[in-house]
């Protein structure tokens, strides 16, 4: 999903477009997806995502639509972003902490599995 706005949080921005890249099931941290963003001289955004394992890719082209946002709307978005900035930073820190905890749990599980195999071999 591709969003436009002033906020760090996607839920407070506006959707520009989206696509789905199907990636085969794999353990967390294993899938590798290359995402590329290109803006041409006309201000058109081209986004491509490629699954490194399968070579599958999807792309989207997001053009500038006249009248999408007025100056007044842009100013309102900026003020709203300023108003929510502290809350957004707290939410982002919480999400990053939860992701870090999830990665730690996955690493511990991997270590426990490898230790079980070592005990069986010995």
PDB file of N, CA and C in Angstrom:
ATOM      1  N   UNK A   1       0.844  -1.155   0.000  1.00  0.00           N
ATOM      2  CA  UNK A   1       0.000   0.000   0.000  1.00  0.00           C
ATOM      3  C   UNK A   1       0.904   1.236   0.000  1.00  0.00           C
ATOM      4  N   UNK A   2       0.526   2.221  -0.761  1.00  0.00           N
ATOM      5  CA  UNK A   2       1.330   3.431  -0.882  1.00  0.00           C
ATOM      6  C   UNK A   2       0.491   4.611  -0.421  1.00  0.00           C
ATOM      7  N   UNK A   3       1.043   5.356   0.501  1.00  0.00           N
ATOM      8  CA  UNK A   3       0.307   6.416   1.170  1.00  0.00           C
ATOM      9  C   UNK A   3       0.962   7.766   0.931  1.00  0.00           C
ATOM     10  N   UNK A   4       0.155   8.814   1.044  1.00  0.00           N
ATOM     11  CA  UNK A   4       0.650  10.182   0.940  1.00  0.00           C
ATOM     12  C   UNK A   4       0.156  10.949   2.156  1.00  0.00           C
ATOM     13  N   UNK A   5       1.054  11.668   2.803  1.00  0.00           N
ATOM     14  CA  UNK A   5       0.650  12.468   3.943  1.00  0.00           C
ATOM     15  C   UNK A   5       1.855  12.883   4.754  1.00  0.00           C
ATOM     16  N   UNK A   6       1.603  13.603   5.808  1.00  0.00           N
ATOM     17  CA  UNK A   6       2.664  14.153   6.639  1.00  0.00           C
ATOM     18  C   UNK A   6       2.945  13.307   7.876  1.00  0.00           C
ATOM     19  N   UNK A   7       2.081  12.352   8.188  1.00  0.00           N
ATOM     20  CA  UNK A   7       2.200  11.583   9.417  1.00  0.00           C
ATOM     21  C   UNK A   7       3.129  10.390   9.247  1.00  0.00           C
ATOM     22  N   UNK A   8       3.805  10.001  10.337  1.00  0.00           N
ATOM     23  CA  UNK A   8       4.612   8.782  10.332  1.00  0.00           C
ATOM     24  C   UNK A   8       3.719   7.549  10.287  1.00  0.00           C
ATOM     25  N   UNK A   9       2.476   7.694  10.748  1.00  0.00           N
ATOM     26  CA  UNK A   9       1.556   6.561  10.850  1.00  0.00           C
ATOM     27  C   UNK A   9       0.710   6.465   9.581  1.00  0.00           C
ATOM     28  N   UNK A  10       0.708   5.288   8.982  1.00  0.00           N
ATOM     29  CA  UNK A  10      -0.031   5.063   7.740  1.00  0.00           C
ATOM     30  C   UNK A  10      -1.512   5.378   7.914  1.00  0.00           C
ATOM     31  N   UNK A  11      -2.056   5.042   9.073  1.00  0.00           N
ATOM     32  CA  UNK A  11      -3.499   5.223   9.275  1.00  0.00           C
ATOM     33  C   UNK A  11      -3.928   6.690   9.202  1.00  0.00           C
ATOM     34  N   UNK A  12      -3.006   7.630   9.310  1.00  0.00           N
ATOM     35  CA  UNK A  12      -3.353   9.043   9.237  1.00  0.00           C
ATOM     36  C   UNK A  12      -2.977   9.670   7.884  1.00  0.00           C
ATOM     37  N   UNK A  13      -2.619   8.839   6.924  1.00  0.00           N
ATOM     38  CA  UNK A  13      -2.273   9.321   5.589  1.00  0.00           C
ATOM     39  C   UNK A  13      -3.337   8.878   4.585  1.00  0.00           C
ATOM     40  N   UNK A  14      -3.157   9.215   3.324  1.00  0.00           N
ATOM     41  CA  UNK A  14      -4.137   8.921   2.293  1.00  0.00           C
ATOM     42  C   UNK A  14      -3.576   7.890   1.315  1.00  0.00           C
ATOM     43  N   UNK A  15      -4.399   6.896   0.999  1.00  0.00           N
ATOM     44  CA  UNK A  15      -3.984   5.805   0.107  1.00  0.00           C
ATOM     45  C   UNK A  15      -3.880   6.305  -1.332  1.00  0.00           C
ATOM     46  N   UNK A  16      -2.730   6.035  -1.945  1.00  0.00           N
ATOM     47  CA  UNK A  16      -2.511   6.393  -3.344  1.00  0.00           C
ATOM     48  C   UNK A  16      -2.692   5.189  -4.257  1.00  0.00           C
ATOM     49  N   UNK A  17      -2.364   4.006  -3.758  1.00  0.00           N
ATOM     50  CA  UNK A  17      -2.471   2.796  -4.558  1.00  0.00           C
ATOM     51  C   UNK A  17      -1.913   1.610  -3.799  1.00  0.00           C
ATOM     52  N   UNK A  18      -2.114   0.417  -4.352  1.00  0.00           N
ATOM     53  CA  UNK A  18      -1.590  -0.777  -3.693  1.00  0.00           C
ATOM     54  C   UNK A  18      -1.470  -1.920  -4.701  1.00  0.00           C
ATOM     55  N   UNK A  19      -0.690  -2.919  -4.347  1.00  0.00           N
ATOM     56  CA  UNK A  19      -0.639  -4.176  -5.083  1.00  0.00           C
ATOM     57  C   UNK A  19      -0.207  -5.265  -4.125  1.00  0.00           C
ATOM     58  N   UNK A  20      -0.423  -6.508  -4.526  1.00  0.00           N
ATOM     59  CA  UNK A  20      -0.063  -7.653  -3.685  1.00  0.00           C
ATOM     60  C   UNK A  20       0.973  -8.496  -4.415  1.00  0.00           C
ATOM     61  N   UNK A  21       2.056  -8.771  -3.738  1.00  0.00           N
ATOM     62  CA  UNK A  21       3.099  -9.657  -4.265  1.00  0.00           C
ATOM     63  C   UNK A  21       3.035 -10.938  -3.452  1.00  0.00           C
ATOM     64  N   UNK A  22       2.661 -12.032  -4.103  1.00  0.00           N
ATOM     65  CA  UNK A  22       2.552 -13.302  -3.386  1.00  0.00           C
ATOM     66  C   UNK A  22       3.935 -13.886  -3.154  1.00  0.00           C
ATOM     67  N   UNK A  23       4.236 -14.125  -1.879  1.00  0.00           N
ATOM     68  CA  UNK A  23       5.521 -14.679  -1.469  1.00  0.00           C
ATOM     69  C   UNK A  23       5.234 -16.034  -0.833  1.00  0.00           C
ATOM     70  N   UNK A  24       5.959 -17.094  -1.225  1.00  0.00           N
ATOM     71  CA  UNK A  24       5.713 -18.411  -0.645  1.00  0.00           C
ATOM     72  C   UNK A  24       5.916 -18.405   0.875  1.00  0.00           C
ATOM     73  N   UNK A  25       5.161 -19.235   1.602  1.00  0.00           N
ATOM     74  CA  UNK A  25       5.329 -19.301   3.057  1.00  0.00           C
ATOM     75  C   UNK A  25       6.771 -19.637   3.431  1.00  0.00           C
ATOM     76  N   UNK A  26       7.264 -18.963   4.453  1.00  0.00           N
ATOM     77  CA  UNK A  26       8.632 -19.176   4.928  1.00  0.00           C
ATOM     78  C   UNK A  26       8.714 -18.686   6.363  1.00  0.00           C
ATOM     79  N   UNK A  27       9.718 -19.159   7.096  1.00  0.00           N
ATOM     80  CA  UNK A  27       9.893 -18.661   8.468  1.00  0.00           C
ATOM     81  C   UNK A  27      10.135 -17.154   8.468  1.00  0.00           C
ATOM     82  N   UNK A  28       9.796 -16.523   9.577  1.00  0.00           N
ATOM     83  CA  UNK A  28       9.977 -15.076   9.702  1.00  0.00           C
ATOM     84  C   UNK A  28      11.425 -14.689   9.433  1.00  0.00           C
ATOM     85  N   UNK A  29      11.608 -13.625   8.703  1.00  0.00           N
ATOM     86  CA  UNK A  29      12.941 -13.127   8.412  1.00  0.00           C
ATOM     87  C   UNK A  29      13.589 -13.753   7.201  1.00  0.00           C
ATOM     88  N   UNK A  30      12.994 -14.801   6.649  1.00  0.00           N
ATOM     89  CA  UNK A  30      13.591 -15.482   5.503  1.00  0.00           C
ATOM     90  C   UNK A  30      13.241 -14.812   4.178  1.00  0.00           C
ATOM     91  N   UNK A  31      11.975 -14.451   3.936  1.00  0.00           N
ATOM     92  CA  UNK A  31      11.660 -13.831   2.647  1.00  0.00           C
ATOM     93  C   UNK A  31      12.446 -12.532   2.447  1.00  0.00           C
ATOM     94  N   UNK A  32      12.973 -12.372   1.261  1.00  0.00           N
ATOM     95  CA  UNK A  32      13.713 -11.156   0.906  1.00  0.00           C
ATOM     96  C   UNK A  32      13.000 -10.511  -0.275  1.00  0.00           C
ATOM     97  N   UNK A  33      12.514  -9.306  -0.064  1.00  0.00           N
ATOM     98  CA  UNK A  33      11.796  -8.586  -1.106  1.00  0.00           C
ATOM     99  C   UNK A  33      12.510  -7.264  -1.353  1.00  0.00           C
ATOM    100  N   UNK A  34      12.865  -7.035  -2.599  1.00  0.00           N
ATOM    101  CA  UNK A  34      13.507  -5.783  -3.000  1.00  0.00           C
ATOM    102  C   UNK A  34      12.410  -4.828  -3.453  1.00  0.00           C
ATOM    103  N   UNK A  35      12.329  -3.657  -2.825  1.00  0.00           N
ATOM    104  CA  UNK A  35      11.340  -2.651  -3.197  1.00  0.00           C
ATOM    105  C   UNK A  35      12.088  -1.446  -3.742  1.00  0.00           C
ATOM    106  N   UNK A  36      11.684  -1.018  -4.936  1.00  0.00           N
ATOM    107  CA  UNK A  36      12.347   0.104  -5.590  1.00  0.00           C
ATOM    108  C   UNK A  36      11.323   1.203  -5.880  1.00  0.00           C
ATOM    109  N   UNK A  37      11.723   2.447  -5.626  1.00  0.00           N
ATOM    110  CA  UNK A  37      10.890   3.612  -5.893  1.00  0.00           C
ATOM    111  C   UNK A  37      11.608   4.489  -6.910  1.00  0.00           C
ATOM    112  N   UNK A  38      10.887   4.881  -7.950  1.00  0.00           N
ATOM    113  CA  UNK A  38      11.446   5.762  -8.964  1.00  0.00           C
ATOM    114  C   UNK A  38      10.465   6.901  -9.208  1.00  0.00           C
ATOM    115  N   UNK A  39      10.956   8.128  -9.215  1.00  0.00           N
ATOM    116  CA  UNK A  39      10.135   9.285  -9.566  1.00  0.00           C
ATOM    117  C   UNK A  39      10.719   9.869 -10.835  1.00  0.00           C
ATOM    118  N   UNK A  40       9.892   9.932 -11.887  1.00  0.00           N
ATOM    119  CA  UNK A  40      10.410  10.472 -13.143  1.00  0.00           C
ATOM    120  C   UNK A  40      10.310  11.997 -13.164  1.00  0.00           C
ATOM    121  N   UNK A  41      10.748  12.590 -14.254  1.00  0.00           N
ATOM    122  CA  UNK A  41      10.805  14.058 -14.342  1.00  0.00           C
ATOM    123  C   UNK A  41       9.423  14.704 -14.321  1.00  0.00           C
ATOM    124  N   UNK A  42       8.368  13.921 -14.582  1.00  0.00           N
ATOM    125  CA  UNK A  42       7.001  14.444 -14.549  1.00  0.00           C
ATOM    126  C   UNK A  42       6.353  14.271 -13.180  1.00  0.00           C
ATOM    127  N   UNK A  43       7.115  13.768 -12.195  1.00  0.00           N
ATOM    128  CA  UNK A  43       6.570  13.577 -10.859  1.00  0.00           C
ATOM    129  C   UNK A  43       5.750  12.313 -10.716  1.00  0.00           C
ATOM    130  N   UNK A  44       5.874  11.389 -11.661  1.00  0.00           N
ATOM    131  CA  UNK A  44       5.133  10.124 -11.605  1.00  0.00           C
ATOM    132  C   UNK A  44       5.962   9.123 -10.815  1.00  0.00           C
ATOM    133  N   UNK A  45       5.323   8.517  -9.826  1.00  0.00           N
ATOM    134  CA  UNK A  45       5.980   7.543  -8.956  1.00  0.00           C
ATOM    135  C   UNK A  45       5.771   6.144  -9.508  1.00  0.00           C
ATOM    136  N   UNK A  46       6.863   5.422  -9.701  1.00  0.00           N
ATOM    137  CA  UNK A  46       6.819   4.024 -10.117  1.00  0.00           C
ATOM    138  C   UNK A  46       7.410   3.196  -8.992  1.00  0.00           C
ATOM    139  N   UNK A  47       6.678   2.168  -8.556  1.00  0.00           N
ATOM    140  CA  UNK A  47       7.118   1.320  -7.461  1.00  0.00           C
ATOM    141  C   UNK A  47       7.141  -0.118  -7.955  1.00  0.00           C
ATOM    142  N   UNK A  48       8.223  -0.821  -7.662  1.00  0.00           N
ATOM    143  CA  UNK A  48       8.348  -2.231  -8.045  1.00  0.00           C
ATOM    144  C   UNK A  48       8.828  -3.016  -6.836  1.00  0.00           C
ATOM    145  N   UNK A  49       8.212  -4.183  -6.613  1.00  0.00           N
ATOM    146  CA  UNK A  49       8.636  -5.092  -5.553  1.00  0.00           C
ATOM    147  C   UNK A  49       8.958  -6.431  -6.201  1.00  0.00           C
ATOM    148  N   UNK A  50      10.107  -7.015  -5.843  1.00  0.00           N
ATOM    149  CA  UNK A  50      10.550  -8.275  -6.415  1.00  0.00           C
ATOM    150  C   UNK A  50      10.922  -9.243  -5.306  1.00  0.00           C
ATOM    151  N   UNK A  51      10.342 -10.454  -5.354  1.00  0.00           N
ATOM    152  CA  UNK A  51      10.708 -11.516  -4.414  1.00  0.00           C
ATOM    153  C   UNK A  51      12.015 -12.119  -4.911  1.00  0.00           C
ATOM    154  N   UNK A  52      13.061 -12.009  -4.092  1.00  0.00           N
ATOM    155  CA  UNK A  52      14.387 -12.464  -4.520  1.00  0.00           C
ATOM    156  C   UNK A  52      14.438 -13.980  -4.729  1.00  0.00           C
ATOM    157  N   UNK A  53      13.635 -14.746  -3.983  1.00  0.00           N
ATOM    158  CA  UNK A  53      13.682 -16.204  -4.095  1.00  0.00           C
ATOM    159  C   UNK A  53      13.032 -16.702  -5.382  1.00  0.00           C
ATOM    160  N   UNK A  54      11.886 -16.140  -5.750  1.00  0.00           N
ATOM    161  CA  UNK A  54      11.146 -16.637  -6.911  1.00  0.00           C
ATOM    162  C   UNK A  54      11.335 -15.785  -8.154  1.00  0.00           C
ATOM    163  N   UNK A  55      11.792 -14.548  -7.967  1.00  0.00           N
ATOM    164  CA  UNK A  55      11.932 -13.637  -9.093  1.00  0.00           C
ATOM    165  C   UNK A  55      10.619 -12.959  -9.481  1.00  0.00           C
ATOM    166  N   UNK A  56       9.525 -13.320  -8.808  1.00  0.00           N
ATOM    167  CA  UNK A  56       8.238 -12.683  -9.092  1.00  0.00           C
ATOM    168  C   UNK A  56       8.309 -11.206  -8.739  1.00  0.00           C
ATOM    169  N   UNK A  57       7.629 -10.391  -9.547  1.00  0.00           N
ATOM    170  CA  UNK A  57       7.607  -8.970  -9.225  1.00  0.00           C
ATOM    171  C   UNK A  57       6.259  -8.368  -9.597  1.00  0.00           C
ATOM    172  N   UNK A  58       5.960  -7.273  -8.952  1.00  0.00           N
ATOM    173  CA  UNK A  58       4.744  -6.500  -9.234  1.00  0.00           C
ATOM    174  C   UNK A  58       5.168  -5.043  -9.262  1.00  0.00           C
ATOM    175  N   UNK A  59       4.415  -4.243 -10.008  1.00  0.00           N
ATOM    176  CA  UNK A  59       4.725  -2.827 -10.045  1.00  0.00           C
ATOM    177  C   UNK A  59       3.443  -2.023 -10.140  1.00  0.00           C
ATOM    178  N   UNK A  60       3.573  -0.764  -9.780  1.00  0.00           N
ATOM    179  CA  UNK A  60       2.443   0.162  -9.854  1.00  0.00           C
ATOM    180  C   UNK A  60       2.983   1.518 -10.282  1.00  0.00           C
ATOM    181  N   UNK A  61       2.155   2.241 -10.999  1.00  0.00           N
ATOM    182  CA  UNK A  61       2.509   3.585 -11.457  1.00  0.00           C
ATOM    183  C   UNK A  61       1.486   4.542 -10.865  1.00  0.00           C
ATOM    184  N   UNK A  62       1.969   5.513 -10.111  1.00  0.00           N
ATOM    185  CA  UNK A  62       1.082   6.464  -9.449  1.00  0.00           C
ATOM    186  C   UNK A  62       1.310   7.824 -10.073  1.00  0.00           C
ATOM    187  N   UNK A  63       0.303   8.291 -10.788  1.00  0.00           N
ATOM    188  CA  UNK A  63       0.417   9.566 -11.488  1.00  0.00           C
ATOM    189  C   UNK A  63      -0.126  10.692 -10.624  1.00  0.00           C
ATOM    190  N   UNK A  64       0.312  11.887 -10.943  1.00  0.00           N
ATOM    191  CA  UNK A  64      -0.171  13.069 -10.226  1.00  0.00           C
ATOM    192  C   UNK A  64      -1.530  13.445 -10.795  1.00  0.00           C
ATOM    193  N   UNK A  65      -2.539  13.431  -9.963  1.00  0.00           N
ATOM    194  CA  UNK A  65      -3.877  13.827 -10.397  1.00  0.00           C
ATOM    195  C   UNK A  65      -4.107  15.288 -10.046  1.00  0.00           C
ATOM    196  N   UNK A  66      -4.513  16.059 -11.016  1.00  0.00           N
ATOM    197  CA  UNK A  66      -4.789  17.470 -10.746  1.00  0.00           C
ATOM    198  C   UNK A  66      -5.963  17.560  -9.781  1.00  0.00           C
ATOM    199  N   UNK A  67      -5.826  18.467  -8.845  1.00  0.00           N
ATOM    200  CA  UNK A  67      -6.917  18.676  -7.902  1.00  0.00           C
ATOM    201  C   UNK A  67      -7.001  17.635  -6.804  1.00  0.00           C
ATOM    202  N   UNK A  68      -5.990  16.793  -6.675  1.00  0.00           N
ATOM    203  CA  UNK A  68      -6.040  15.750  -5.638  1.00  0.00           C
ATOM    204  C   UNK A  68      -6.164  16.384  -4.263  1.00  0.00           C
ATOM    205  N   UNK A  69      -5.318  17.362  -3.945  1.00  0.00           N
ATOM    206  CA  UNK A  69      -5.378  18.070  -2.671  1.00  0.00           C
ATOM    207  C   UNK A  69      -5.219  19.558  -2.923  1.00  0.00           C
ATOM    208  N   UNK A  70      -6.064  20.331  -2.290  1.00  0.00           N
ATOM    209  CA  UNK A  70      -5.933  21.789  -2.396  1.00  0.00           C
ATOM    210  C   UNK A  70      -4.877  22.250  -1.396  1.00  0.00           C
ATOM    211  N   UNK A  71      -4.451  23.497  -1.537  1.00  0.00           N
ATOM    212  CA  UNK A  71      -3.473  24.057  -0.594  1.00  0.00           C
ATOM    213  C   UNK A  71      -4.035  24.026   0.828  1.00  0.00           C
ATOM    214  N   UNK A  72      -5.331  24.290   0.973  1.00  0.00           N
ATOM    215  CA  UNK A  72      -5.980  24.274   2.280  1.00  0.00           C
ATOM    216  C   UNK A  72      -5.935  22.871   2.887  1.00  0.00           C
ATOM    217  N   UNK A  73      -6.210  21.862   2.069  1.00  0.00           N
ATOM    218  CA  UNK A  73      -6.162  20.476   2.561  1.00  0.00           C
ATOM    219  C   UNK A  73      -4.753  20.087   2.983  1.00  0.00           C
ATOM    220  N   UNK A  74      -3.769  20.515   2.219  1.00  0.00           N
ATOM    221  CA  UNK A  74      -2.374  20.211   2.549  1.00  0.00           C
ATOM    222  C   UNK A  74      -1.992  20.878   3.867  1.00  0.00           C
ATOM    223  N   UNK A  75      -2.436  22.106   4.051  1.00  0.00           N
ATOM    224  CA  UNK A  75      -2.156  22.828   5.300  1.00  0.00           C
ATOM    225  C   UNK A  75      -2.813  22.112   6.489  1.00  0.00           C
ATOM    226  N   UNK A  76      -4.048  21.642   6.311  1.00  0.00           N
ATOM    227  CA  UNK A  76      -4.743  20.907   7.382  1.00  0.00           C
ATOM    228  C   UNK A  76      -3.990  19.617   7.724  1.00  0.00           C
ATOM    229  N   UNK A  77      -3.509  18.911   6.682  1.00  0.00           N
ATOM    230  CA  UNK A  77      -2.753  17.675   6.927  1.00  0.00           C
ATOM    231  C   UNK A  77      -1.480  17.970   7.711  1.00  0.00           C
ATOM    232  N   UNK A  78      -0.814  19.064   7.365  1.00  0.00           N
ATOM    233  CA  UNK A  78       0.418  19.429   8.072  1.00  0.00           C
ATOM    234  C   UNK A  78       0.140  19.752   9.529  1.00  0.00           C
ATOM    235  N   UNK A  79      -0.931  20.500   9.783  1.00  0.00           N
ATOM    236  CA  UNK A  79      -1.283  20.828  11.175  1.00  0.00           C
ATOM    237  C   UNK A  79      -1.653  19.566  11.954  1.00  0.00           C
ATOM    238  N   UNK A  80      -2.412  18.678  11.310  1.00  0.00           N
ATOM    239  CA  UNK A  80      -2.795  17.418  11.968  1.00  0.00           C
ATOM    240  C   UNK A  80      -1.555  16.585  12.282  1.00  0.00           C
ATOM    241  N   UNK A  81      -0.610  16.554  11.362  1.00  0.00           N
ATOM    242  CA  UNK A  81       0.626  15.793  11.590  1.00  0.00           C
ATOM    243  C   UNK A  81       1.398  16.371  12.768  1.00  0.00           C
ATOM    244  N   UNK A  82       1.456  17.693  12.855  1.00  0.00           N
ATOM    245  CA  UNK A  82       2.133  18.325  13.993  1.00  0.00           C
ATOM    246  C   UNK A  82       1.424  17.986  15.300  1.00  0.00           C
ATOM    247  N   UNK A  83       0.085  17.987  15.263  1.00  0.00           N
ATOM    248  CA  UNK A  83      -0.701  17.705  16.458  1.00  0.00           C
ATOM    249  C   UNK A  83      -0.481  16.265  16.948  1.00  0.00           C
ATOM    250  N   UNK A  84      -0.337  15.330  16.005  1.00  0.00           N
ATOM    251  CA  UNK A  84      -0.178  13.922  16.361  1.00  0.00           C
ATOM    252  C   UNK A  84       1.278  13.465  16.425  1.00  0.00           C
ATOM    253  N   UNK A  85       2.217  14.355  16.220  1.00  0.00           N
ATOM    254  CA  UNK A  85       3.632  13.960  16.124  1.00  0.00           C
ATOM    255  C   UNK A  85       4.120  13.198  17.344  1.00  0.00           C
ATOM    256  N   UNK A  86       3.822  13.676  18.531  1.00  0.00           N
ATOM    257  CA  UNK A  86       4.294  13.006  19.757  1.00  0.00           C
ATOM    258  C   UNK A  86       3.654  11.630  19.879  1.00  0.00           C
ATOM    259  N   UNK A  87       2.334  11.571  19.647  1.00  0.00           N
ATOM    260  CA  UNK A  87       1.627  10.283  19.720  1.00  0.00           C
ATOM    261  C   UNK A  87       2.183   9.306  18.682  1.00  0.00           C
ATOM    262  N   UNK A  88       2.424   9.795  17.461  1.00  0.00           N
ATOM    263  CA  UNK A  88       2.966   8.940  16.398  1.00  0.00           C
ATOM    264  C   UNK A  88       4.327   8.373  16.789  1.00  0.00           C
ATOM    265  N   UNK A  89       5.174   9.195  17.390  1.00  0.00           N
ATOM    266  CA  UNK A  89       6.499   8.714  17.803  1.00  0.00           C
ATOM    267  C   UNK A  89       6.383   7.634  18.869  1.00  0.00           C
ATOM    268  N   UNK A  90       5.448   7.809  19.810  1.00  0.00           N
ATOM    269  CA  UNK A  90       5.241   6.794  20.846  1.00  0.00           C
ATOM    270  C   UNK A  90       4.734   5.496  20.232  1.00  0.00           C
ATOM    271  N   UNK A  91       3.759   5.604  19.307  1.00  0.00           N
ATOM    272  CA  UNK A  91       3.231   4.408  18.642  1.00  0.00           C
ATOM    273  C   UNK A  91       4.324   3.704  17.844  1.00  0.00           C
ATOM    274  N   UNK A  92       5.130   4.489  17.150  1.00  0.00           N
ATOM    275  CA  UNK A  92       6.206   3.902  16.351  1.00  0.00           C
ATOM    276  C   UNK A  92       7.211   3.176  17.242  1.00  0.00           C
ATOM    277  N   UNK A  93       7.577   3.804  18.368  1.00  0.00           N
ATOM    278  CA  UNK A  93       8.518   3.176  19.297  1.00  0.00           C
ATOM    279  C   UNK A  93       7.940   1.876  19.853  1.00  0.00           C
ATOM    280  N   UNK A  94       6.646   1.875  20.175  1.00  0.00           N
ATOM    281  CA  UNK A  94       5.992   0.664  20.667  1.00  0.00           C
ATOM    282  C   UNK A  94       6.024  -0.430  19.604  1.00  0.00           C
ATOM    283  N   UNK A  95       5.691  -0.087  18.363  1.00  0.00           N
ATOM    284  CA  UNK A  95       5.707  -1.085  17.287  1.00  0.00           C
ATOM    285  C   UNK A  95       7.112  -1.629  17.051  1.00  0.00           C
ATOM    286  N   UNK A  96       8.117  -0.746  17.069  1.00  0.00           N
ATOM    287  CA  UNK A  96       9.487  -1.196  16.883  1.00  0.00           C
ATOM    288  C   UNK A  96       9.907  -2.126  18.020  1.00  0.00           C
ATOM    289  N   UNK A  97       9.484  -1.812  19.245  1.00  0.00           N
ATOM    290  CA  UNK A  97       9.805  -2.663  20.398  1.00  0.00           C
ATOM    291  C   UNK A  97       9.138  -4.025  20.261  1.00  0.00           C
ATOM    292  N   UNK A  98       7.886  -4.042  19.805  1.00  0.00           N
ATOM    293  CA  UNK A  98       7.192  -5.314  19.620  1.00  0.00           C
ATOM    294  C   UNK A  98       7.859  -6.157  18.531  1.00  0.00           C
ATOM    295  N   UNK A  99       8.283  -5.515  17.451  1.00  0.00           N
ATOM    296  CA  UNK A  99       8.988  -6.247  16.397  1.00  0.00           C
ATOM    297  C   UNK A  99      10.323  -6.788  16.894  1.00  0.00           C
ATOM    298  N   UNK A 100      11.013  -5.989  17.689  1.00  0.00           N
ATOM    299  CA  UNK A 100      12.288  -6.439  18.262  1.00  0.00           C
ATOM    300  C   UNK A 100      12.055  -7.637  19.179  1.00  0.00           C
ATOM    301  N   UNK A 101      10.999  -7.595  19.990  1.00  0.00           N
ATOM    302  CA  UNK A 101      10.651  -8.714  20.861  1.00  0.00           C
ATOM    303  C   UNK A 101      10.323  -9.953  20.035  1.00  0.00           C
ATOM    304  N   UNK A 102       9.582  -9.780  18.970  1.00  0.00           N
ATOM    305  CA  UNK A 102       9.224 -10.910  18.097  1.00  0.00           C
ATOM    306  C   UNK A 102      10.483 -11.536  17.497  1.00  0.00           C
ATOM    307  N   UNK A 103      11.409 -10.702  17.025  1.00  0.00           N
ATOM    308  CA  UNK A 103      12.667 -11.227  16.468  1.00  0.00           C
ATOM    309  C   UNK A 103      13.456 -11.982  17.536  1.00  0.00           C
ATOM    310  N   UNK A 104      13.472 -11.453  18.753  1.00  0.00           N
ATOM    311  CA  UNK A 104      14.178 -12.104  19.855  1.00  0.00           C
ATOM    312  C   UNK A 104      13.565 -13.473  20.147  1.00  0.00           C
ATOM    313  N   UNK A 105      12.244 -13.551  20.176  1.00  0.00           N
ATOM    314  CA  UNK A 105      11.564 -14.832  20.432  1.00  0.00           C
ATOM    315  C   UNK A 105      11.892 -15.832  19.336  1.00  0.00           C
ATOM    316  N   UNK A 106      11.911 -15.386  18.099  1.00  0.00           N
ATOM    317  CA  UNK A 106      12.250 -16.281  16.981  1.00  0.00           C
ATOM    318  C   UNK A 106      13.683 -16.783  17.131  1.00  0.00           C
ATOM    319  N   UNK A 107      14.611 -15.893  17.486  1.00  0.00           N
ATOM    320  CA  UNK A 107      16.012 -16.297  17.684  1.00  0.00           C
ATOM    321  C   UNK A 107      16.141 -17.308  18.820  1.00  0.00           C
ATOM    322  N   UNK A 108      15.430 -17.081  19.921  1.00  0.00           N
ATOM    323  CA  UNK A 108      15.484 -18.019  21.055  1.00  0.00           C
ATOM    324  C   UNK A 108      14.946 -19.385  20.635  1.00  0.00           C
ATOM    325  N   UNK A 109      13.852 -19.392  19.880  1.00  0.00           N
ATOM    326  CA  UNK A 109      13.295 -20.666  19.407  1.00  0.00           C
ATOM    327  C   UNK A 109      14.314 -21.414  18.539  1.00  0.00           C
ATOM    328  N   UNK A 110      14.994 -20.682  17.650  1.00  0.00           N
ATOM    329  CA  UNK A 110      16.009 -21.311  16.796  1.00  0.00           C
ATOM    330  C   UNK A 110      17.141 -21.901  17.637  1.00  0.00           C
ATOM    331  N   UNK A 111      17.584 -21.138  18.649  1.00  0.00           N
ATOM    332  CA  UNK A 111      18.663 -21.620  19.511  1.00  0.00           C
ATOM    333  C   UNK A 111      18.231 -22.862  20.283  1.00  0.00           C
ATOM    334  N   UNK A 112      17.009 -22.861  20.775  1.00  0.00           N
ATOM    335  CA  UNK A 112      16.513 -24.021  21.524  1.00  0.00           C
ATOM    336  C   UNK A 112      16.449 -25.250  20.632  1.00  0.00           C
ATOM    337  N   UNK A 113      15.984 -25.080  19.398  1.00  0.00           N
ATOM    338  CA  UNK A 113      15.919 -26.204  18.465  1.00  0.00           C
ATOM    339  C   UNK A 113      17.318 -26.745  18.187  1.00  0.00           C
ATOM    340  N   UNK A 114      18.290 -25.851  17.981  1.00  0.00           N
ATOM    341  CA  UNK A 114      19.648 -26.314  17.687  1.00  0.00           C
ATOM    342  C   UNK A 114      20.262 -26.999  18.912  1.00  0.00           C
ATOM    343  N   UNK A 115      19.950 -26.531  20.111  1.00  0.00           N
ATOM    344  CA  UNK A 115      20.469 -27.165  21.325  1.00  0.00           C
ATOM    345  C   UNK A 115      19.886 -28.555  21.511  1.00  0.00           C
ATOM    346  N   UNK A 116      18.610 -28.728  21.155  1.00  0.00           N
ATOM    347  CA  UNK A 116      17.983 -30.056  21.244  1.00  0.00           C
ATOM    348  C   UNK A 116      18.712 -31.018  20.323  1.00  0.00           C
ATOM    349  N   UNK A 117      19.044 -30.619  19.119  1.00  0.00           N
ATOM    350  CA  UNK A 117      19.764 -31.484  18.189  1.00  0.00           C
ATOM    351  C   UNK A 117      21.153 -31.817  18.705  1.00  0.00           C
ATOM    352  N   UNK A 118      21.805 -30.851  19.314  1.00  0.00           N
ATOM    353  CA  UNK A 118      23.141 -31.130  19.875  1.00  0.00           C
ATOM    354  C   UNK A 118      23.047 -32.180  20.970  1.00  0.00           C
ATOM    355  N   UNK A 119      22.053 -32.093  21.827  1.00  0.00           N
ATOM    356  CA  UNK A 119      21.882 -33.067  22.913  1.00  0.00           C
ATOM    357  C   UNK A 119      21.590 -34.457  22.353  1.00  0.00           C
ATOM    358  N   UNK A 120      20.789 -34.528  21.284  1.00  0.00           N
ATOM    359  CA  UNK A 120      20.455 -35.830  20.693  1.00  0.00           C
ATOM    360  C   UNK A 120      21.709 -36.453  20.111  1.00  0.00           C
ATOM    361  N   UNK A 121      22.544 -35.658  19.443  1.00  0.00           N
ATOM    362  CA  UNK A 121      23.766 -36.179  18.819  1.00  0.00           C
ATOM    363  C   UNK A 121      24.761 -36.641  19.883  1.00  0.00           C
ATOM    364  N   UNK A 122      24.901 -35.886  20.956  1.00  0.00           N
ATOM    365  CA  UNK A 122      25.840 -36.254  22.009  1.00  0.00           C
ATOM    366  C   UNK A 122      25.283 -37.431  22.761  1.00  0.00           C
TER     367      UNK A 122
END
